Amino acid sequence: MGPTETVFWGAIAGIVTTIVLAIISLVFKKGLIPWYQEVIYKGVDLKGNWLLRETYKDGVIYTCQLNLTQKAHKISGNASMTVMNSSHDYNQIFDIEGETWEGYLTLNMRSKNNTTLSFVAGLLKVEERGASLSGSWAYRGYDEEVKQESIVFRRENG
């Protein structure tokens, strides 16, 4: 085998090794590590449906429902937010990402529809032995200003 063939096969071996290592890394990051975390996870179980419903003095009805899934401390899911009042009705669907840590839940919600942009960031405390989530969130308001409010979600069917 000449020097050109040696360099060629050396390069091929390097490429194949890189691909094999990348696949092994993906198997660990996407499969084994999340599986292991879920097996050993001993924290609060937040998966399921959570509801926030408020009726204000001016007749505005505000409803938000969270549908959460959970893998160890990682939270995902979707939310439906509805505001009904005399001037306009608002309905928005969100994708949720977040995590739980030591009795608290952080949530980041982004509108699913990119034509009506909205986003929410929240910090909630797990209370009442896992029956409620209370805290506050900040969000992009209807008037394009950053708004903040206190909230309490209740676990449905639980």
N, C-alpha and C. Protein backbone atom coordinates (compact mmCIF):
# COMPACT_ATOMS: atom_id res chain seq x y z
N MET A 1 0.86 -1.17 0.00
CA MET A 1 0.00 0.00 0.00
C MET A 1 0.91 1.23 0.00
N GLY A 2 0.58 2.17 -0.92
CA GLY A 2 1.38 3.38 -1.05
C GLY A 2 0.93 4.46 -0.09
N PRO A 3 1.70 5.56 -0.02
CA PRO A 3 1.37 6.65 0.89
C PRO A 3 0.00 7.28 0.61
N THR A 4 -0.40 7.35 -0.66
CA THR A 4 -1.69 7.94 -0.99
C THR A 4 -2.82 7.07 -0.46
N GLU A 5 -2.72 5.77 -0.62
CA GLU A 5 -3.74 4.86 -0.10
C GLU A 5 -3.79 4.90 1.43
N THR A 6 -2.66 5.00 2.08
CA THR A 6 -2.61 5.07 3.54
C THR A 6 -3.32 6.32 4.04
N VAL A 7 -3.07 7.45 3.40
CA VAL A 7 -3.74 8.69 3.79
C VAL A 7 -5.25 8.57 3.54
N PHE A 8 -5.63 8.00 2.39
CA PHE A 8 -7.04 7.83 2.06
C PHE A 8 -7.75 6.98 3.11
N TRP A 9 -7.20 5.80 3.42
CA TRP A 9 -7.84 4.91 4.39
C TRP A 9 -7.78 5.48 5.81
N GLY A 10 -6.76 6.24 6.11
CA GLY A 10 -6.69 6.93 7.40
C GLY A 10 -7.80 7.96 7.53
N ALA A 11 -8.04 8.70 6.45
CA ALA A 11 -9.12 9.70 6.46
C ALA A 11 -10.48 9.02 6.59
N ILE A 12 -10.69 7.93 5.87
CA ILE A 12 -11.95 7.18 5.95
C ILE A 12 -12.15 6.65 7.38
N ALA A 13 -11.10 6.09 7.96
CA ALA A 13 -11.19 5.58 9.34
C ALA A 13 -11.54 6.71 10.31
N GLY A 14 -10.98 7.89 10.12
CA GLY A 14 -11.29 9.04 10.97
C GLY A 14 -12.74 9.47 10.85
N ILE A 15 -13.25 9.50 9.62
CA ILE A 15 -14.64 9.87 9.39
C ILE A 15 -15.59 8.85 10.02
N VAL A 16 -15.32 7.57 9.81
CA VAL A 16 -16.17 6.52 10.38
C VAL A 16 -16.13 6.58 11.90
N THR A 17 -14.97 6.78 12.47
CA THR A 17 -14.84 6.88 13.93
C THR A 17 -15.65 8.06 14.46
N THR A 18 -15.57 9.19 13.78
CA THR A 18 -16.33 10.38 14.19
C THR A 18 -17.83 10.11 14.15
N ILE A 19 -18.31 9.45 13.10
CA ILE A 19 -19.74 9.13 12.98
C ILE A 19 -20.17 8.18 14.08
N VAL A 20 -19.38 7.15 14.35
CA VAL A 20 -19.71 6.18 15.41
C VAL A 20 -19.75 6.88 16.77
N LEU A 21 -18.79 7.72 17.06
CA LEU A 21 -18.78 8.45 18.34
C LEU A 21 -19.97 9.40 18.45
N ALA A 22 -20.35 10.05 17.35
CA ALA A 22 -21.52 10.93 17.37
C ALA A 22 -22.80 10.15 17.66
N ILE A 23 -22.93 8.97 17.06
CA ILE A 23 -24.11 8.13 17.31
C ILE A 23 -24.14 7.66 18.76
N ILE A 24 -23.01 7.24 19.28
CA ILE A 24 -22.95 6.81 20.69
C ILE A 24 -23.31 7.97 21.61
N SER A 25 -22.81 9.16 21.30
CA SER A 25 -23.14 10.34 22.10
C SER A 25 -24.64 10.63 22.08
N LEU A 26 -25.27 10.55 20.92
CA LEU A 26 -26.71 10.77 20.82
C LEU A 26 -27.50 9.74 21.61
N VAL A 27 -27.09 8.48 21.54
CA VAL A 27 -27.77 7.42 22.30
C VAL A 27 -27.71 7.74 23.79
N PHE A 28 -26.57 8.18 24.28
CA PHE A 28 -26.44 8.52 25.69
C PHE A 28 -27.27 9.75 26.05
N LYS A 29 -27.13 10.83 25.26
CA LYS A 29 -27.82 12.10 25.57
C LYS A 29 -29.33 12.01 25.42
N LYS A 30 -29.80 11.33 24.40
CA LYS A 30 -31.25 11.31 24.11
C LYS A 30 -31.95 10.08 24.67
N GLY A 31 -31.21 9.05 25.01
CA GLY A 31 -31.83 7.81 25.45
C GLY A 31 -31.48 7.39 26.87
N LEU A 32 -30.23 7.06 27.08
CA LEU A 32 -29.84 6.49 28.37
C LEU A 32 -29.90 7.49 29.52
N ILE A 33 -29.41 8.69 29.33
CA ILE A 33 -29.40 9.67 30.43
C ILE A 33 -30.83 10.06 30.82
N PRO A 34 -31.74 10.43 29.87
CA PRO A 34 -33.12 10.73 30.28
C PRO A 34 -33.81 9.53 30.94
N TRP A 35 -33.58 8.32 30.43
CA TRP A 35 -34.17 7.13 31.04
C TRP A 35 -33.68 6.97 32.47
N TYR A 36 -32.38 7.11 32.69
CA TYR A 36 -31.81 6.98 34.03
C TYR A 36 -32.36 8.04 34.97
N GLN A 37 -32.44 9.28 34.49
CA GLN A 37 -32.99 10.36 35.33
C GLN A 37 -34.42 10.07 35.74
N GLU A 38 -35.21 9.53 34.82
CA GLU A 38 -36.60 9.24 35.15
C GLU A 38 -36.70 8.08 36.14
N VAL A 39 -35.83 7.09 36.01
CA VAL A 39 -35.84 5.96 36.94
C VAL A 39 -35.51 6.40 38.35
N ILE A 40 -34.53 7.30 38.51
CA ILE A 40 -34.11 7.69 39.86
C ILE A 40 -34.84 8.91 40.39
N TYR A 41 -35.67 9.59 39.55
CA TYR A 41 -36.35 10.81 39.96
C TYR A 41 -37.31 10.53 41.10
N LYS A 42 -37.20 11.28 42.17
CA LYS A 42 -38.05 11.11 43.35
C LYS A 42 -38.83 12.38 43.68
N GLY A 43 -38.84 13.35 42.78
CA GLY A 43 -39.49 14.63 43.04
C GLY A 43 -40.99 14.59 42.76
N VAL A 44 -41.59 15.76 42.80
CA VAL A 44 -43.02 15.92 42.63
C VAL A 44 -43.45 15.57 41.20
N ASP A 45 -44.61 14.96 41.08
CA ASP A 45 -45.19 14.60 39.80
C ASP A 45 -46.20 15.69 39.41
N LEU A 46 -45.90 16.44 38.37
CA LEU A 46 -46.75 17.56 37.95
C LEU A 46 -47.51 17.27 36.65
N LYS A 47 -47.34 16.08 36.09
CA LYS A 47 -48.01 15.83 34.82
C LYS A 47 -49.52 15.78 35.01
N GLY A 48 -50.23 16.22 33.97
CA GLY A 48 -51.68 16.26 34.02
C GLY A 48 -52.21 17.64 33.66
N ASN A 49 -53.46 17.87 34.00
CA ASN A 49 -54.14 19.12 33.66
C ASN A 49 -54.23 20.04 34.87
N TRP A 50 -53.97 21.32 34.63
CA TRP A 50 -54.02 22.36 35.66
C TRP A 50 -54.89 23.49 35.14
N LEU A 51 -55.73 24.06 36.00
CA LEU A 51 -56.67 25.08 35.57
C LEU A 51 -56.58 26.34 36.42
N LEU A 52 -56.61 27.48 35.74
CA LEU A 52 -56.71 28.80 36.36
C LEU A 52 -57.94 29.46 35.76
N ARG A 53 -58.87 29.86 36.61
CA ARG A 53 -60.08 30.53 36.13
C ARG A 53 -60.41 31.68 37.07
N GLU A 54 -60.49 32.88 36.51
CA GLU A 54 -60.79 34.08 37.29
C GLU A 54 -61.93 34.84 36.62
N THR A 55 -62.84 35.34 37.41
CA THR A 55 -63.87 36.26 36.92
C THR A 55 -63.68 37.58 37.64
N TYR A 56 -63.42 38.63 36.90
CA TYR A 56 -63.13 39.94 37.49
C TYR A 56 -64.41 40.77 37.64
N LYS A 57 -64.34 41.82 38.45
CA LYS A 57 -65.49 42.68 38.74
C LYS A 57 -66.13 43.26 37.48
N ASP A 58 -65.29 43.54 36.47
CA ASP A 58 -65.83 44.14 35.25
C ASP A 58 -66.41 43.10 34.28
N GLY A 59 -66.53 41.86 34.73
CA GLY A 59 -67.14 40.81 33.91
C GLY A 59 -66.18 40.04 33.03
N VAL A 60 -64.90 40.38 33.06
CA VAL A 60 -63.91 39.67 32.26
C VAL A 60 -63.71 38.27 32.85
N ILE A 61 -63.75 37.27 31.98
CA ILE A 61 -63.51 35.88 32.39
C ILE A 61 -62.17 35.45 31.79
N TYR A 62 -61.27 35.03 32.66
CA TYR A 62 -59.91 34.67 32.27
C TYR A 62 -59.71 33.20 32.62
N THR A 63 -59.35 32.40 31.61
CA THR A 63 -59.14 30.97 31.82
C THR A 63 -57.82 30.56 31.19
N CYS A 64 -57.05 29.74 31.91
CA CYS A 64 -55.83 29.16 31.36
C CYS A 64 -55.75 27.71 31.80
N GLN A 65 -55.58 26.83 30.84
CA GLN A 65 -55.44 25.41 31.15
C GLN A 65 -54.07 24.94 30.67
N LEU A 66 -53.33 24.30 31.59
CA LEU A 66 -52.03 23.71 31.28
C LEU A 66 -52.20 22.21 31.15
N ASN A 67 -51.62 21.64 30.11
CA ASN A 67 -51.56 20.19 29.94
C ASN A 67 -50.08 19.81 29.98
N LEU A 68 -49.64 19.31 31.12
CA LEU A 68 -48.21 19.09 31.34
C LEU A 68 -47.84 17.62 31.19
N THR A 69 -46.69 17.38 30.58
CA THR A 69 -46.04 16.08 30.59
C THR A 69 -44.71 16.26 31.31
N GLN A 70 -44.17 15.17 31.82
CA GLN A 70 -42.98 15.29 32.65
C GLN A 70 -42.06 14.11 32.44
N LYS A 71 -40.78 14.40 32.31
CA LYS A 71 -39.73 13.38 32.29
C LYS A 71 -38.70 13.83 33.31
N ALA A 72 -38.74 13.18 34.48
CA ALA A 72 -37.90 13.57 35.61
C ALA A 72 -38.18 15.04 35.94
N HIS A 73 -37.18 15.91 35.91
CA HIS A 73 -37.40 17.31 36.28
C HIS A 73 -37.79 18.19 35.08
N LYS A 74 -37.78 17.65 33.87
CA LYS A 74 -38.13 18.41 32.67
C LYS A 74 -39.64 18.39 32.45
N ILE A 75 -40.19 19.56 32.15
CA ILE A 75 -41.63 19.72 31.92
C ILE A 75 -41.84 20.20 30.48
N SER A 76 -42.87 19.67 29.84
CA SER A 76 -43.28 20.15 28.52
C SER A 76 -44.79 20.03 28.43
N GLY A 77 -45.35 20.50 27.35
CA GLY A 77 -46.78 20.39 27.16
C GLY A 77 -47.32 21.55 26.37
N ASN A 78 -48.61 21.85 26.61
CA ASN A 78 -49.25 22.96 25.93
C ASN A 78 -50.24 23.64 26.87
N ALA A 79 -50.62 24.84 26.50
CA ALA A 79 -51.56 25.63 27.31
C ALA A 79 -52.56 26.30 26.39
N SER A 80 -53.74 26.49 26.91
CA SER A 80 -54.79 27.23 26.21
C SER A 80 -55.20 28.39 27.12
N MET A 81 -55.11 29.61 26.59
CA MET A 81 -55.45 30.80 27.37
C MET A 81 -56.59 31.54 26.68
N THR A 82 -57.65 31.84 27.45
CA THR A 82 -58.81 32.52 26.90
C THR A 82 -59.19 33.70 27.80
N VAL A 83 -59.43 34.84 27.19
CA VAL A 83 -59.94 36.02 27.90
C VAL A 83 -61.21 36.45 27.17
N MET A 84 -62.32 36.52 27.91
CA MET A 84 -63.58 36.95 27.31
C MET A 84 -64.05 38.22 28.01
N ASN A 85 -64.29 39.27 27.22
CA ASN A 85 -64.85 40.50 27.75
C ASN A 85 -65.66 41.20 26.68
N SER A 86 -66.20 42.35 26.99
CA SER A 86 -67.10 43.04 26.07
C SER A 86 -66.37 43.64 24.87
N SER A 87 -65.09 44.00 25.01
CA SER A 87 -64.40 44.66 23.92
C SER A 87 -63.73 43.69 22.94
N HIS A 88 -63.22 42.58 23.42
CA HIS A 88 -62.62 41.59 22.52
C HIS A 88 -62.45 40.26 23.26
N ASP A 89 -62.46 39.20 22.49
CA ASP A 89 -62.14 37.88 23.02
C ASP A 89 -60.75 37.50 22.54
N TYR A 90 -60.02 36.82 23.41
CA TYR A 90 -58.65 36.45 23.12
C TYR A 90 -58.50 34.96 23.39
N ASN A 91 -57.96 34.24 22.42
CA ASN A 91 -57.69 32.83 22.63
C ASN A 91 -56.32 32.53 22.03
N GLN A 92 -55.46 31.91 22.81
CA GLN A 92 -54.09 31.64 22.36
C GLN A 92 -53.69 30.25 22.84
N ILE A 93 -53.02 29.51 21.97
CA ILE A 93 -52.47 28.20 22.30
C ILE A 93 -50.95 28.36 22.41
N PHE A 94 -50.37 27.77 23.45
CA PHE A 94 -48.94 27.89 23.73
C PHE A 94 -48.26 26.52 23.80
N ASP A 95 -47.00 26.48 23.43
CA ASP A 95 -46.12 25.35 23.74
C ASP A 95 -45.41 25.68 25.03
N ILE A 96 -45.21 24.66 25.87
CA ILE A 96 -44.60 24.87 27.19
C ILE A 96 -43.30 24.09 27.29
N GLU A 97 -42.30 24.73 27.87
CA GLU A 97 -41.07 24.08 28.32
C GLU A 97 -40.77 24.60 29.71
N GLY A 98 -40.23 23.75 30.55
CA GLY A 98 -39.88 24.19 31.88
C GLY A 98 -39.21 23.09 32.66
N GLU A 99 -39.03 23.35 33.95
CA GLU A 99 -38.47 22.31 34.82
C GLU A 99 -38.88 22.58 36.26
N THR A 100 -38.81 21.53 37.03
CA THR A 100 -39.13 21.63 38.44
C THR A 100 -37.85 21.39 39.24
N TRP A 101 -37.74 22.12 40.34
CA TRP A 101 -36.57 21.98 41.20
C TRP A 101 -36.95 22.40 42.61
N GLU A 102 -36.76 21.52 43.55
CA GLU A 102 -36.97 21.77 44.98
C GLU A 102 -38.29 22.47 45.29
N GLY A 103 -39.37 21.96 44.71
CA GLY A 103 -40.70 22.47 45.02
C GLY A 103 -41.13 23.68 44.21
N TYR A 104 -40.38 24.05 43.20
CA TYR A 104 -40.73 25.17 42.34
C TYR A 104 -40.78 24.70 40.88
N LEU A 105 -41.56 25.40 40.10
CA LEU A 105 -41.70 25.11 38.68
C LEU A 105 -41.43 26.38 37.89
N THR A 106 -40.54 26.30 36.92
CA THR A 106 -40.36 27.41 35.99
C THR A 106 -41.02 27.01 34.67
N LEU A 107 -41.71 27.96 34.07
CA LEU A 107 -42.39 27.72 32.80
C LEU A 107 -42.01 28.79 31.79
N ASN A 108 -41.80 28.38 30.57
CA ASN A 108 -41.65 29.28 29.44
C ASN A 108 -42.67 28.85 28.41
N MET A 109 -43.54 29.77 28.04
CA MET A 109 -44.61 29.46 27.10
C MET A 109 -44.49 30.37 25.88
N ARG A 110 -44.59 29.78 24.70
CA ARG A 110 -44.55 30.54 23.45
C ARG A 110 -45.78 30.20 22.63
N SER A 111 -46.34 31.21 21.97
CA SER A 111 -47.52 30.96 21.16
C SER A 111 -47.20 29.97 20.04
N LYS A 112 -48.13 29.06 19.84
CA LYS A 112 -47.98 28.05 18.80
C LYS A 112 -48.13 28.67 17.42
N ASN A 113 -48.98 29.69 17.31
CA ASN A 113 -49.25 30.36 16.05
C ASN A 113 -48.31 31.56 15.92
N ASN A 114 -47.48 31.56 14.91
CA ASN A 114 -46.49 32.64 14.74
C ASN A 114 -47.07 33.90 14.13
N THR A 115 -48.37 33.93 13.87
CA THR A 115 -48.97 35.17 13.36
C THR A 115 -49.52 36.04 14.49
N THR A 116 -49.73 35.46 15.68
CA THR A 116 -50.15 36.23 16.85
C THR A 116 -49.19 35.92 17.98
N LEU A 117 -48.05 36.57 17.96
CA LEU A 117 -46.97 36.26 18.88
C LEU A 117 -47.29 36.63 20.33
N SER A 118 -46.97 35.70 21.20
CA SER A 118 -47.13 35.94 22.62
C SER A 118 -46.19 35.00 23.36
N PHE A 119 -45.75 35.41 24.53
CA PHE A 119 -44.92 34.55 25.36
C PHE A 119 -45.11 34.91 26.82
N VAL A 120 -44.82 33.89 27.65
CA VAL A 120 -45.04 33.99 29.09
C VAL A 120 -43.87 33.32 29.79
N ALA A 121 -43.39 33.89 30.89
CA ALA A 121 -42.39 33.27 31.74
C ALA A 121 -42.93 33.28 33.16
N GLY A 122 -42.90 32.12 33.81
CA GLY A 122 -43.48 32.05 35.14
C GLY A 122 -42.63 31.28 36.13
N LEU A 123 -42.82 31.62 37.40
CA LEU A 123 -42.21 30.90 38.52
C LEU A 123 -43.34 30.56 39.48
N LEU A 124 -43.53 29.27 39.71
CA LEU A 124 -44.64 28.80 40.53
C LEU A 124 -44.12 27.88 41.63
N LYS A 125 -44.76 27.95 42.78
CA LYS A 125 -44.42 27.09 43.91
C LYS A 125 -45.47 25.98 44.00
N VAL A 126 -45.01 24.76 44.19
CA VAL A 126 -45.91 23.63 44.38
C VAL A 126 -46.43 23.70 45.81
N GLU A 127 -47.77 23.77 45.95
CA GLU A 127 -48.38 23.92 47.27
C GLU A 127 -49.50 22.90 47.47
N GLU A 128 -50.04 22.90 48.67
CA GLU A 128 -51.15 22.03 49.05
C GLU A 128 -50.88 20.57 48.69
N ARG A 129 -49.65 20.13 49.00
CA ARG A 129 -49.24 18.75 48.78
C ARG A 129 -49.39 18.32 47.32
N GLY A 130 -49.12 19.25 46.42
CA GLY A 130 -49.17 18.97 44.99
C GLY A 130 -50.49 19.27 44.32
N ALA A 131 -51.43 19.89 45.03
CA ALA A 131 -52.75 20.17 44.46
C ALA A 131 -52.83 21.55 43.80
N SER A 132 -51.87 22.44 44.07
CA SER A 132 -51.92 23.76 43.45
C SER A 132 -50.51 24.27 43.13
N LEU A 133 -50.48 25.19 42.21
CA LEU A 133 -49.26 25.88 41.80
C LEU A 133 -49.53 27.37 41.94
N SER A 134 -48.77 28.07 42.78
CA SER A 134 -49.01 29.50 42.95
C SER A 134 -47.72 30.27 42.75
N GLY A 135 -47.86 31.46 42.23
CA GLY A 135 -46.70 32.30 41.98
C GLY A 135 -47.08 33.46 41.10
N SER A 136 -46.22 33.76 40.14
CA SER A 136 -46.53 34.84 39.22
C SER A 136 -45.88 34.57 37.88
N TRP A 137 -46.37 35.31 36.90
CA TRP A 137 -45.74 35.24 35.59
C TRP A 137 -45.72 36.62 34.95
N ALA A 138 -44.80 36.76 34.03
CA ALA A 138 -44.68 37.98 33.25
C ALA A 138 -44.98 37.60 31.80
N TYR A 139 -45.63 38.51 31.08
CA TYR A 139 -46.04 38.18 29.72
C TYR A 139 -46.14 39.43 28.87
N ARG A 140 -46.22 39.20 27.59
CA ARG A 140 -46.42 40.28 26.63
C ARG A 140 -47.90 40.59 26.58
N GLY A 141 -48.27 41.78 27.01
CA GLY A 141 -49.67 42.16 27.08
C GLY A 141 -50.27 42.52 25.74
N TYR A 142 -51.57 42.65 25.71
CA TYR A 142 -52.30 43.01 24.50
C TYR A 142 -51.84 44.35 23.93
N ASP A 143 -51.41 45.24 24.81
CA ASP A 143 -50.95 46.56 24.40
C ASP A 143 -49.44 46.61 24.13
N GLU A 144 -48.82 45.42 23.99
CA GLU A 144 -47.39 45.27 23.69
C GLU A 144 -46.48 45.66 24.85
N GLU A 145 -47.02 45.81 26.03
CA GLU A 145 -46.24 46.12 27.23
C GLU A 145 -46.01 44.84 28.02
N VAL A 146 -44.94 44.81 28.82
CA VAL A 146 -44.69 43.68 29.70
C VAL A 146 -45.61 43.81 30.91
N LYS A 147 -46.37 42.77 31.17
CA LYS A 147 -47.31 42.73 32.29
C LYS A 147 -46.88 41.64 33.26
N GLN A 148 -47.34 41.76 34.50
CA GLN A 148 -47.04 40.75 35.52
C GLN A 148 -48.28 40.56 36.36
N GLU A 149 -48.53 39.32 36.77
CA GLU A 149 -49.66 39.07 37.67
C GLU A 149 -49.43 37.82 38.49
N SER A 150 -50.08 37.80 39.65
CA SER A 150 -50.05 36.63 40.52
C SER A 150 -51.09 35.63 40.02
N ILE A 151 -50.77 34.34 40.13
CA ILE A 151 -51.66 33.31 39.62
C ILE A 151 -51.69 32.11 40.55
N VAL A 152 -52.76 31.35 40.48
CA VAL A 152 -52.89 30.08 41.20
C VAL A 152 -53.58 29.08 40.27
N PHE A 153 -52.89 28.00 39.97
CA PHE A 153 -53.47 26.90 39.20
C PHE A 153 -53.89 25.79 40.17
N ARG A 154 -54.96 25.12 39.84
CA ARG A 154 -55.43 23.96 40.62
C ARG A 154 -55.35 22.73 39.72
N ARG A 155 -54.90 21.64 40.32
CA ARG A 155 -54.84 20.38 39.59
C ARG A 155 -56.25 19.89 39.32
N GLU A 156 -56.52 19.49 38.09
CA GLU A 156 -57.83 18.94 37.75
C GLU A 156 -57.81 17.42 37.96
N ASN A 157 -58.92 16.88 38.40
CA ASN A 157 -59.07 15.43 38.58
C ASN A 157 -57.97 14.87 39.47
N GLY A 158 -57.67 15.53 40.53
CA GLY A 158 -56.58 15.00 41.33
C GLY A 158 -56.75 15.32 42.75
